[in-house]
Amino acid sequence: MIITVLEHFDTIAKAESQKPEAQRRSIPSQTEFARAAGVTRQAFHKWLKNPTLNESYLDAIITKMRAYGFDTNITDLVRYEPPK
């Protein structure tokens, strides 16, 4: 399993930046995701640097992104690649 959270955030940020300013949606901060996951911002940031499959973090990300109007699913955050 490959955790693609940062890739997803980058994709959304690029898409939003190409919209007219009045139509752009704000993207939750790492602090907001950390609060939603019930951890410190530092713990969440550390996880983003070296992500593992963490159901509570992924659930918090999906819930927060949907609250901001982004249709985010688990397949946006996790990708399967077979072992080499």
Protein backbone atom coordinates (compact mmCIF):
# COMPACT_ATOMS: atom_id res chain seq x y z
CA MET A 1 0.00 0.00 0.00
CA ILE A 2 1.21 3.46 -0.87
CA ILE A 3 -0.15 6.41 1.11
CA THR A 4 -0.81 9.24 -1.35
CA VAL A 5 -2.11 11.93 1.01
CA LEU A 6 0.46 14.56 0.02
CA GLU A 7 -0.08 13.84 -3.68
CA HIS A 8 -3.82 14.32 -3.16
CA PHE A 9 -3.29 17.60 -1.31
CA ASP A 10 -1.02 18.83 -4.14
CA THR A 11 -3.59 17.88 -6.79
CA ILE A 12 -6.35 19.74 -4.96
CA ALA A 13 -4.18 22.80 -4.33
CA LYS A 14 -3.23 23.00 -8.02
CA ALA A 15 -6.85 22.61 -9.15
CA GLU A 16 -8.06 25.28 -6.73
CA SER A 17 -5.29 27.71 -7.73
CA GLN A 18 -6.43 27.55 -11.36
CA LYS A 19 -9.96 28.68 -10.50
CA PRO A 20 -10.95 32.33 -10.33
CA GLU A 21 -10.24 33.59 -6.80
CA ALA A 22 -13.93 33.99 -5.96
CA GLN A 23 -14.56 30.30 -6.75
CA ARG A 24 -11.62 28.82 -4.81
CA ARG A 25 -12.31 26.72 -1.75
CA SER A 26 -10.01 26.84 1.23
CA ILE A 27 -8.08 23.69 2.03
CA PRO A 28 -7.87 22.49 5.65
CA SER A 29 -4.56 23.05 7.40
CA GLN A 30 -2.40 20.36 8.96
CA THR A 31 -3.48 21.72 12.34
CA GLU A 32 -7.14 21.12 11.45
CA PHE A 33 -6.39 17.57 10.30
CA ALA A 34 -4.41 16.90 13.47
CA ARG A 35 -7.25 18.16 15.67
CA ALA A 36 -9.73 16.00 13.74
CA ALA A 37 -7.46 12.97 14.26
CA GLY A 38 -7.00 13.79 17.95
CA VAL A 39 -3.22 14.23 17.75
CA THR A 40 -0.75 17.11 17.87
CA ARG A 41 0.16 18.99 14.72
CA GLN A 42 3.73 17.71 15.14
CA ALA A 43 2.57 14.09 15.27
CA PHE A 44 0.43 14.56 12.18
CA HIS A 45 3.26 16.33 10.32
CA LYS A 46 5.65 13.51 11.24
CA TRP A 47 3.14 10.97 9.91
CA LEU A 48 2.86 12.89 6.61
CA LYS A 49 6.64 12.69 6.19
CA ASN A 50 6.61 8.90 6.65
CA PRO A 51 3.00 7.74 6.35
CA THR A 52 1.79 4.32 7.38
CA LEU A 53 -1.69 2.90 7.09
CA ASN A 54 -3.43 4.71 9.96
CA GLU A 55 -7.20 4.38 9.84
CA SER A 56 -7.93 7.22 12.27
CA TYR A 57 -5.73 9.70 10.36
CA LEU A 58 -7.21 8.72 7.01
CA ASP A 59 -10.73 8.92 8.42
CA ALA A 60 -10.02 12.40 9.82
CA ILE A 61 -8.64 13.57 6.47
CA ILE A 62 -11.64 12.29 4.52
CA THR A 63 -14.12 13.73 7.01
CA LYS A 64 -12.42 17.14 7.08
CA MET A 65 -12.01 17.32 3.28
CA ARG A 66 -15.68 16.48 2.78
CA ALA A 67 -16.64 19.16 5.32
CA TYR A 68 -14.74 21.63 3.12
CA GLY A 69 -16.64 20.46 0.03
CA PHE A 70 -14.03 18.14 -1.50
CA ASP A 71 -15.33 14.72 -2.56
CA THR A 72 -12.49 12.73 -1.04
CA ASN A 73 -12.46 8.94 -0.79
CA ILE A 74 -10.00 6.37 0.53
CA THR A 75 -8.83 5.68 -3.03
CA ASP A 76 -7.63 9.30 -3.20
CA LEU A 77 -5.35 8.69 -0.22
CA VAL A 78 -4.17 5.08 -0.64
CA ARG A 79 -2.94 3.22 -3.71
CA TYR A 80 -2.08 -0.45 -4.00
CA GLU A 81 1.18 -1.46 -5.62
CA PRO A 82 2.18 -5.10 -5.59
CA PRO A 83 5.43 -6.02 -3.84
CA LYS A 84 8.51 -6.07 -6.05
